[in-house]
């Protein structure tokens, strides 16, 4: 349970969930944003099975990749 989780990890999880809620509102909107960045078909089941912290880390990495690709084009 949560009694065995370190405070640092709990604070990190709280920060992630707070940021996801502010930026996207729901988990489904976060998955849709990842799909949009990576040009995936809507309803990708692989992403739907991931936990929110992993999705958010993946979103940040995809955003960086998209920015680098855009900079290389232009």
PDB file of N, CA and C in Angstrom:
ATOM      1  N   UNK A   1       0.795  -1.180   0.000  1.00  0.00           N
ATOM      2  CA  UNK A   1       0.000   0.000   0.000  1.00  0.00           C
ATOM      3  C   UNK A   1       0.846   1.257   0.000  1.00  0.00           C
ATOM      4  N   UNK A   2       0.199   2.348   0.199  1.00  0.00           N
ATOM      5  CA  UNK A   2       0.883   3.637   0.177  1.00  0.00           C
ATOM      6  C   UNK A   2       1.767   3.862   1.404  1.00  0.00           C
ATOM      7  N   UNK A   3       1.577   3.092   2.451  1.00  0.00           N
ATOM      8  CA  UNK A   3       2.388   3.234   3.638  1.00  0.00           C
ATOM      9  C   UNK A   3       3.843   2.852   3.424  1.00  0.00           C
ATOM     10  N   UNK A   4       4.107   2.054   2.399  1.00  0.00           N
ATOM     11  CA  UNK A   4       5.462   1.595   2.128  1.00  0.00           C
ATOM     12  C   UNK A   4       6.144   2.362   1.004  1.00  0.00           C
ATOM     13  N   UNK A   5       5.477   3.353   0.444  1.00  0.00           N
ATOM     14  CA  UNK A   5       6.035   4.139  -0.653  1.00  0.00           C
ATOM     15  C   UNK A   5       6.732   5.364  -0.059  1.00  0.00           C
ATOM     16  N   UNK A   6       7.906   5.680  -0.603  1.00  0.00           N
ATOM     17  CA  UNK A   6       8.656   6.812  -0.069  1.00  0.00           C
ATOM     18  C   UNK A   6       7.930   8.132  -0.342  1.00  0.00           C
ATOM     19  N   UNK A   7       8.205   9.105   0.511  1.00  0.00           N
ATOM     20  CA  UNK A   7       7.578  10.412   0.353  1.00  0.00           C
ATOM     21  C   UNK A   7       8.003  11.074  -0.952  1.00  0.00           C
ATOM     22  N   UNK A   8       9.253  10.883  -1.359  1.00  0.00           N
ATOM     23  CA  UNK A   8       9.731  11.480  -2.601  1.00  0.00           C
ATOM     24  C   UNK A   8       8.939  10.954  -3.796  1.00  0.00           C
ATOM     25  N   UNK A   9       8.665   9.664  -3.800  1.00  0.00           N
ATOM     26  CA  UNK A   9       7.907   9.075  -4.897  1.00  0.00           C
ATOM     27  C   UNK A   9       6.460   9.581  -4.884  1.00  0.00           C
ATOM     28  N   UNK A  10       5.885   9.692  -3.694  1.00  0.00           N
ATOM     29  CA  UNK A  10       4.518  10.207  -3.595  1.00  0.00           C
ATOM     30  C   UNK A  10       4.436  11.649  -4.082  1.00  0.00           C
ATOM     31  N   UNK A  11       5.436  12.461  -3.738  1.00  0.00           N
ATOM     32  CA  UNK A  11       5.446  13.844  -4.201  1.00  0.00           C
ATOM     33  C   UNK A  11       5.591  13.912  -5.718  1.00  0.00           C
ATOM     34  N   UNK A  12       6.446  13.064  -6.292  1.00  0.00           N
ATOM     35  CA  UNK A  12       6.614  13.023  -7.748  1.00  0.00           C
ATOM     36  C   UNK A  12       5.299  12.636  -8.430  1.00  0.00           C
ATOM     37  N   UNK A  13       4.635  11.604  -7.902  1.00  0.00           N
ATOM     38  CA  UNK A  13       3.360  11.177  -8.477  1.00  0.00           C
ATOM     39  C   UNK A  13       2.310  12.276  -8.373  1.00  0.00           C
ATOM     40  N   UNK A  14       2.270  12.961  -7.250  1.00  0.00           N
ATOM     41  CA  UNK A  14       1.312  14.050  -7.077  1.00  0.00           C
ATOM     42  C   UNK A  14       1.575  15.160  -8.098  1.00  0.00           C
ATOM     43  N   UNK A  15       2.845  15.498  -8.286  1.00  0.00           N
ATOM     44  CA  UNK A  15       3.193  16.539  -9.257  1.00  0.00           C
ATOM     45  C   UNK A  15       2.796  16.127 -10.674  1.00  0.00           C
ATOM     46  N   UNK A  16       3.028  14.875 -11.021  1.00  0.00           N
ATOM     47  CA  UNK A  16       2.680  14.389 -12.364  1.00  0.00           C
ATOM     48  C   UNK A  16       1.173  14.432 -12.568  1.00  0.00           C
ATOM     49  N   UNK A  17       0.416  13.880 -11.621  1.00  0.00           N
ATOM     50  CA  UNK A  17      -1.037  13.850 -11.777  1.00  0.00           C
ATOM     51  C   UNK A  17      -1.631  15.254 -11.807  1.00  0.00           C
ATOM     52  N   UNK A  18      -1.068  16.169 -11.030  1.00  0.00           N
ATOM     53  CA  UNK A  18      -1.545  17.549 -11.028  1.00  0.00           C
ATOM     54  C   UNK A  18      -1.298  18.203 -12.386  1.00  0.00           C
ATOM     55  N   UNK A  19      -0.105  18.014 -12.927  1.00  0.00           N
ATOM     56  CA  UNK A  19       0.228  18.615 -14.216  1.00  0.00           C
ATOM     57  C   UNK A  19      -0.616  18.028 -15.347  1.00  0.00           C
ATOM     58  N   UNK A  20      -0.824  16.715 -15.320  1.00  0.00           N
ATOM     59  CA  UNK A  20      -1.653  16.071 -16.342  1.00  0.00           C
ATOM     60  C   UNK A  20      -3.081  16.596 -16.270  1.00  0.00           C
ATOM     61  N   UNK A  21      -3.594  16.751 -15.062  1.00  0.00           N
ATOM     62  CA  UNK A  21      -4.964  17.245 -14.901  1.00  0.00           C
ATOM     63  C   UNK A  21      -5.093  18.683 -15.406  1.00  0.00           C
ATOM     64  N   UNK A  22      -4.064  19.520 -15.138  1.00  0.00           N
ATOM     65  CA  UNK A  22      -4.110  20.913 -15.595  1.00  0.00           C
ATOM     66  C   UNK A  22      -3.990  21.020 -17.111  1.00  0.00           C
ATOM     67  N   UNK A  23      -3.076  20.253 -17.708  1.00  0.00           N
ATOM     68  CA  UNK A  23      -2.820  20.370 -19.144  1.00  0.00           C
ATOM     69  C   UNK A  23      -3.860  19.655 -19.998  1.00  0.00           C
ATOM     70  N   UNK A  24      -4.287  18.474 -19.554  1.00  0.00           N
ATOM     71  CA  UNK A  24      -5.129  17.641 -20.402  1.00  0.00           C
ATOM     72  C   UNK A  24      -6.512  17.376 -19.840  1.00  0.00           C
ATOM     73  N   UNK A  25      -6.659  17.406 -18.553  1.00  0.00           N
ATOM     74  CA  UNK A  25      -7.960  17.148 -17.945  1.00  0.00           C
ATOM     75  C   UNK A  25      -8.188  15.684 -17.659  1.00  0.00           C
ATOM     76  N   UNK A  26      -8.041  14.837 -18.672  1.00  0.00           N
ATOM     77  CA  UNK A  26      -8.269  13.409 -18.476  1.00  0.00           C
ATOM     78  C   UNK A  26      -7.131  12.608 -19.097  1.00  0.00           C
ATOM     79  N   UNK A  27      -7.065  11.373 -18.693  1.00  0.00           N
ATOM     80  CA  UNK A  27      -6.066  10.435 -19.206  1.00  0.00           C
ATOM     81  C   UNK A  27      -6.268  10.204 -20.702  1.00  0.00           C
ATOM     82  N   UNK A  28      -7.517  10.129 -21.131  1.00  0.00           N
ATOM     83  CA  UNK A  28      -7.818   9.904 -22.545  1.00  0.00           C
ATOM     84  C   UNK A  28      -7.326  11.051 -23.417  1.00  0.00           C
ATOM     85  N   UNK A  29      -7.415  12.260 -22.915  1.00  0.00           N
ATOM     86  CA  UNK A  29      -6.918  13.407 -23.674  1.00  0.00           C
ATOM     87  C   UNK A  29      -5.396  13.390 -23.762  1.00  0.00           C
ATOM     88  N   UNK A  30      -4.733  12.886 -22.727  1.00  0.00           N
ATOM     89  CA  UNK A  30      -3.282  12.723 -22.762  1.00  0.00           C
ATOM     90  C   UNK A  30      -2.900  11.700 -23.823  1.00  0.00           C
ATOM     91  N   UNK A  31      -3.613  10.592 -23.880  1.00  0.00           N
ATOM     92  CA  UNK A  31      -3.355   9.566 -24.893  1.00  0.00           C
ATOM     93  C   UNK A  31      -3.598  10.132 -26.289  1.00  0.00           C
ATOM     94  N   UNK A  32      -4.638  10.939 -26.441  1.00  0.00           N
ATOM     95  CA  UNK A  32      -4.924  11.558 -27.735  1.00  0.00           C
ATOM     96  C   UNK A  32      -3.813  12.527 -28.136  1.00  0.00           C
ATOM     97  N   UNK A  33      -3.266  13.262 -27.173  1.00  0.00           N
ATOM     98  CA  UNK A  33      -2.178  14.202 -27.460  1.00  0.00           C
ATOM     99  C   UNK A  33      -0.927  13.451 -27.910  1.00  0.00           C
ATOM    100  N   UNK A  34      -0.641  12.312 -27.301  1.00  0.00           N
ATOM    101  CA  UNK A  34       0.496  11.495 -27.718  1.00  0.00           C
ATOM    102  C   UNK A  34       0.272  10.984 -29.136  1.00  0.00           C
ATOM    103  N   UNK A  35      -0.924  10.527 -29.400  1.00  0.00           N
ATOM    104  CA  UNK A  35      -1.253  10.039 -30.739  1.00  0.00           C
ATOM    105  C   UNK A  35      -1.109  11.119 -31.788  1.00  0.00           C
ATOM    106  N   UNK A  36      -1.487  12.321 -31.446  1.00  0.00           N
ATOM    107  CA  UNK A  36      -1.372  13.445 -32.374  1.00  0.00           C
ATOM    108  C   UNK A  36       0.102  13.773 -32.653  1.00  0.00           C
ATOM    109  N   UNK A  37       0.917  13.759 -31.626  1.00  0.00           N
ATOM    110  CA  UNK A  37       2.347  14.052 -31.801  1.00  0.00           C
ATOM    111  C   UNK A  37       3.054  12.986 -32.632  1.00  0.00           C
ATOM    112  N   UNK A  38       2.640  11.730 -32.436  1.00  0.00           N
ATOM    113  CA  UNK A  38       3.308  10.624 -33.112  1.00  0.00           C
ATOM    114  C   UNK A  38       2.579  10.166 -34.368  1.00  0.00           C
ATOM    115  N   UNK A  39       1.533  10.871 -34.745  1.00  0.00           N
ATOM    116  CA  UNK A  39       0.747  10.553 -35.938  1.00  0.00           C
ATOM    117  C   UNK A  39       0.230   9.110 -35.891  1.00  0.00           C
ATOM    118  N   UNK A  40      -0.334   8.745 -34.766  1.00  0.00           N
ATOM    119  CA  UNK A  40      -0.904   7.411 -34.575  1.00  0.00           C
ATOM    120  C   UNK A  40      -2.401   7.440 -34.856  1.00  0.00           C
ATOM    121  N   UNK A  41      -2.923   6.279 -35.124  1.00  0.00           N
ATOM    122  CA  UNK A  41      -4.365   6.151 -35.294  1.00  0.00           C
ATOM    123  C   UNK A  41      -5.035   6.312 -33.932  1.00  0.00           C
ATOM    124  N   UNK A  42      -6.201   6.939 -33.882  1.00  0.00           N
ATOM    125  CA  UNK A  42      -6.901   7.093 -32.600  1.00  0.00           C
ATOM    126  C   UNK A  42      -7.250   5.725 -32.000  1.00  0.00           C
ATOM    127  N   UNK A  43      -7.208   5.644 -30.692  1.00  0.00           N
ATOM    128  CA  UNK A  43      -7.598   4.411 -30.013  1.00  0.00           C
ATOM    129  C   UNK A  43      -6.488   3.376 -29.947  1.00  0.00           C
ATOM    130  N   UNK A  44      -5.242   3.814 -29.878  1.00  0.00           N
ATOM    131  CA  UNK A  44      -4.121   2.884 -29.770  1.00  0.00           C
ATOM    132  C   UNK A  44      -4.209   2.155 -28.431  1.00  0.00           C
ATOM    133  N   UNK A  45      -4.414   0.848 -28.467  1.00  0.00           N
ATOM    134  CA  UNK A  45      -4.619   0.064 -27.256  1.00  0.00           C
ATOM    135  C   UNK A  45      -3.343  -0.119 -26.447  1.00  0.00           C
ATOM    136  N   UNK A  46      -2.187  -0.029 -27.075  1.00  0.00           N
ATOM    137  CA  UNK A  46      -0.928  -0.188 -26.354  1.00  0.00           C
ATOM    138  C   UNK A  46      -0.790   0.921 -25.314  1.00  0.00           C
ATOM    139  N   UNK A  47      -1.069   2.146 -25.719  1.00  0.00           N
ATOM    140  CA  UNK A  47      -0.956   3.274 -24.801  1.00  0.00           C
ATOM    141  C   UNK A  47      -2.022   3.232 -23.709  1.00  0.00           C
ATOM    142  N   UNK A  48      -3.164   2.691 -24.021  1.00  0.00           N
ATOM    143  CA  UNK A  48      -4.265   2.658 -23.051  1.00  0.00           C
ATOM    144  C   UNK A  48      -3.945   1.784 -21.847  1.00  0.00           C
ATOM    145  N   UNK A  49      -3.017   0.859 -21.993  1.00  0.00           N
ATOM    146  CA  UNK A  49      -2.685  -0.025 -20.878  1.00  0.00           C
ATOM    147  C   UNK A  49      -1.592   0.547 -19.978  1.00  0.00           C
ATOM    148  N   UNK A  50      -0.981   1.651 -20.371  1.00  0.00           N
ATOM    149  CA  UNK A  50       0.106   2.247 -19.587  1.00  0.00           C
ATOM    150  C   UNK A  50      -0.431   3.098 -18.448  1.00  0.00           C
ATOM    151  N   UNK A  51       0.307   3.180 -17.327  1.00  0.00           N
ATOM    152  CA  UNK A  51      -0.093   4.078 -16.230  1.00  0.00           C
ATOM    153  C   UNK A  51       0.186   5.538 -16.599  1.00  0.00           C
ATOM    154  N   UNK A  52      -0.468   6.440 -15.924  1.00  0.00           N
ATOM    155  CA  UNK A  52      -0.368   7.878 -16.226  1.00  0.00           C
ATOM    156  C   UNK A  52       1.068   8.407 -16.160  1.00  0.00           C
ATOM    157  N   UNK A  53       1.865   8.068 -15.139  1.00  0.00           N
ATOM    158  CA  UNK A  53       3.235   8.605 -15.137  1.00  0.00           C
ATOM    159  C   UNK A  53       4.047   8.190 -16.363  1.00  0.00           C
ATOM    160  N   UNK A  54       3.893   6.947 -16.791  1.00  0.00           N
ATOM    161  CA  UNK A  54       4.600   6.489 -17.984  1.00  0.00           C
ATOM    162  C   UNK A  54       4.084   7.200 -19.226  1.00  0.00           C
ATOM    163  N   UNK A  55       2.794   7.412 -19.324  1.00  0.00           N
ATOM    164  CA  UNK A  55       2.215   8.151 -20.447  1.00  0.00           C
ATOM    165  C   UNK A  55       2.748   9.576 -20.500  1.00  0.00           C
ATOM    166  N   UNK A  56       2.838  10.223 -19.346  1.00  0.00           N
ATOM    167  CA  UNK A  56       3.296  11.603 -19.311  1.00  0.00           C
ATOM    168  C   UNK A  56       4.766  11.697 -19.699  1.00  0.00           C
ATOM    169  N   UNK A  57       5.582  10.760 -19.231  1.00  0.00           N
ATOM    170  CA  UNK A  57       6.990  10.728 -19.638  1.00  0.00           C
ATOM    171  C   UNK A  57       7.103  10.510 -21.144  1.00  0.00           C
ATOM    172  N   UNK A  58       6.268   9.626 -21.675  1.00  0.00           N
ATOM    173  CA  UNK A  58       6.267   9.362 -23.117  1.00  0.00           C
ATOM    174  C   UNK A  58       5.827  10.603 -23.894  1.00  0.00           C
ATOM    175  N   UNK A  59       4.845  11.327 -23.367  1.00  0.00           N
ATOM    176  CA  UNK A  59       4.381  12.558 -24.008  1.00  0.00           C
ATOM    177  C   UNK A  59       5.505  13.587 -24.080  1.00  0.00           C
ATOM    178  N   UNK A  60       6.230  13.766 -22.963  1.00  0.00           N
ATOM    179  CA  UNK A  60       7.315  14.745 -22.944  1.00  0.00           C
ATOM    180  C   UNK A  60       8.408  14.365 -23.941  1.00  0.00           C
ATOM    181  N   UNK A  61       8.743  13.077 -24.042  1.00  0.00           N
ATOM    182  CA  UNK A  61       9.763  12.628 -24.990  1.00  0.00           C
ATOM    183  C   UNK A  61       9.283  12.822 -26.427  1.00  0.00           C
ATOM    184  N   UNK A  62       8.013  12.517 -26.691  1.00  0.00           N
ATOM    185  CA  UNK A  62       7.466  12.687 -28.038  1.00  0.00           C
ATOM    186  C   UNK A  62       7.434  14.158 -28.433  1.00  0.00           C
ATOM    187  N   UNK A  63       7.154  15.020 -27.473  1.00  0.00           N
ATOM    188  CA  UNK A  63       7.133  16.458 -27.737  1.00  0.00           C
ATOM    189  C   UNK A  63       8.530  16.950 -28.101  1.00  0.00           C
ATOM    190  N   UNK A  64       9.558  16.458 -27.400  1.00  0.00           N
ATOM    191  CA  UNK A  64      10.935  16.827 -27.722  1.00  0.00           C
ATOM    192  C   UNK A  64      11.324  16.332 -29.113  1.00  0.00           C
ATOM    193  N   UNK A  65      10.944  15.088 -29.435  1.00  0.00           N
ATOM    194  CA  UNK A  65      11.254  14.537 -30.761  1.00  0.00           C
ATOM    195  C   UNK A  65      10.583  15.344 -31.859  1.00  0.00           C
ATOM    196  N   UNK A  66       9.348  15.741 -31.632  1.00  0.00           N
ATOM    197  CA  UNK A  66       8.615  16.527 -32.627  1.00  0.00           C
ATOM    198  C   UNK A  66       9.259  17.898 -32.813  1.00  0.00           C
ATOM    199  N   UNK A  67       9.716  18.505 -31.730  1.00  0.00           N
ATOM    200  CA  UNK A  67      10.375  19.810 -31.825  1.00  0.00           C
ATOM    201  C   UNK A  67      11.690  19.709 -32.583  1.00  0.00           C
ATOM    202  N   UNK A  68      12.461  18.645 -32.336  1.00  0.00           N
ATOM    203  CA  UNK A  68      13.713  18.448 -33.064  1.00  0.00           C
ATOM    204  C   UNK A  68      13.457  18.205 -34.541  1.00  0.00           C
ATOM    205  N   UNK A  69      12.438  17.431 -34.868  1.00  0.00           N
ATOM    206  CA  UNK A  69      12.106  17.169 -36.268  1.00  0.00           C
ATOM    207  C   UNK A  69      11.662  18.452 -36.970  1.00  0.00           C
ATOM    208  N   UNK A  70      10.905  19.269 -36.265  1.00  0.00           N
ATOM    209  CA  UNK A  70      10.453  20.545 -36.829  1.00  0.00           C
ATOM    210  C   UNK A  70      11.626  21.476 -37.068  1.00  0.00           C
ATOM    211  N   UNK A  71      12.582  21.501 -36.137  1.00  0.00           N
ATOM    212  CA  UNK A  71      13.763  22.351 -36.286  1.00  0.00           C
ATOM    213  C   UNK A  71      14.651  21.882 -37.449  1.00  0.00           C
ATOM    214  N   UNK A  72      14.705  20.577 -37.656  1.00  0.00           N
ATOM    215  CA  UNK A  72      15.516  20.034 -38.737  1.00  0.00           C
ATOM    216  C   UNK A  72      14.906  20.364 -40.101  1.00  0.00           C
ATOM    217  N   UNK A  73      13.583  20.424 -40.154  1.00  0.00           N
ATOM    218  CA  UNK A  73      12.896  20.752 -41.416  1.00  0.00           C
ATOM    219  C   UNK A  73      13.068  22.220 -41.786  1.00  0.00           C
ATOM    220  N   UNK A  74      12.959  23.062 -40.781  1.00  0.00           N
ATOM    221  CA  UNK A  74      12.853  24.461 -41.088  1.00  0.00           C
ATOM    222  C   UNK A  74      14.009  25.279 -40.750  1.00  0.00           C
TER     223      UNK A  74
END
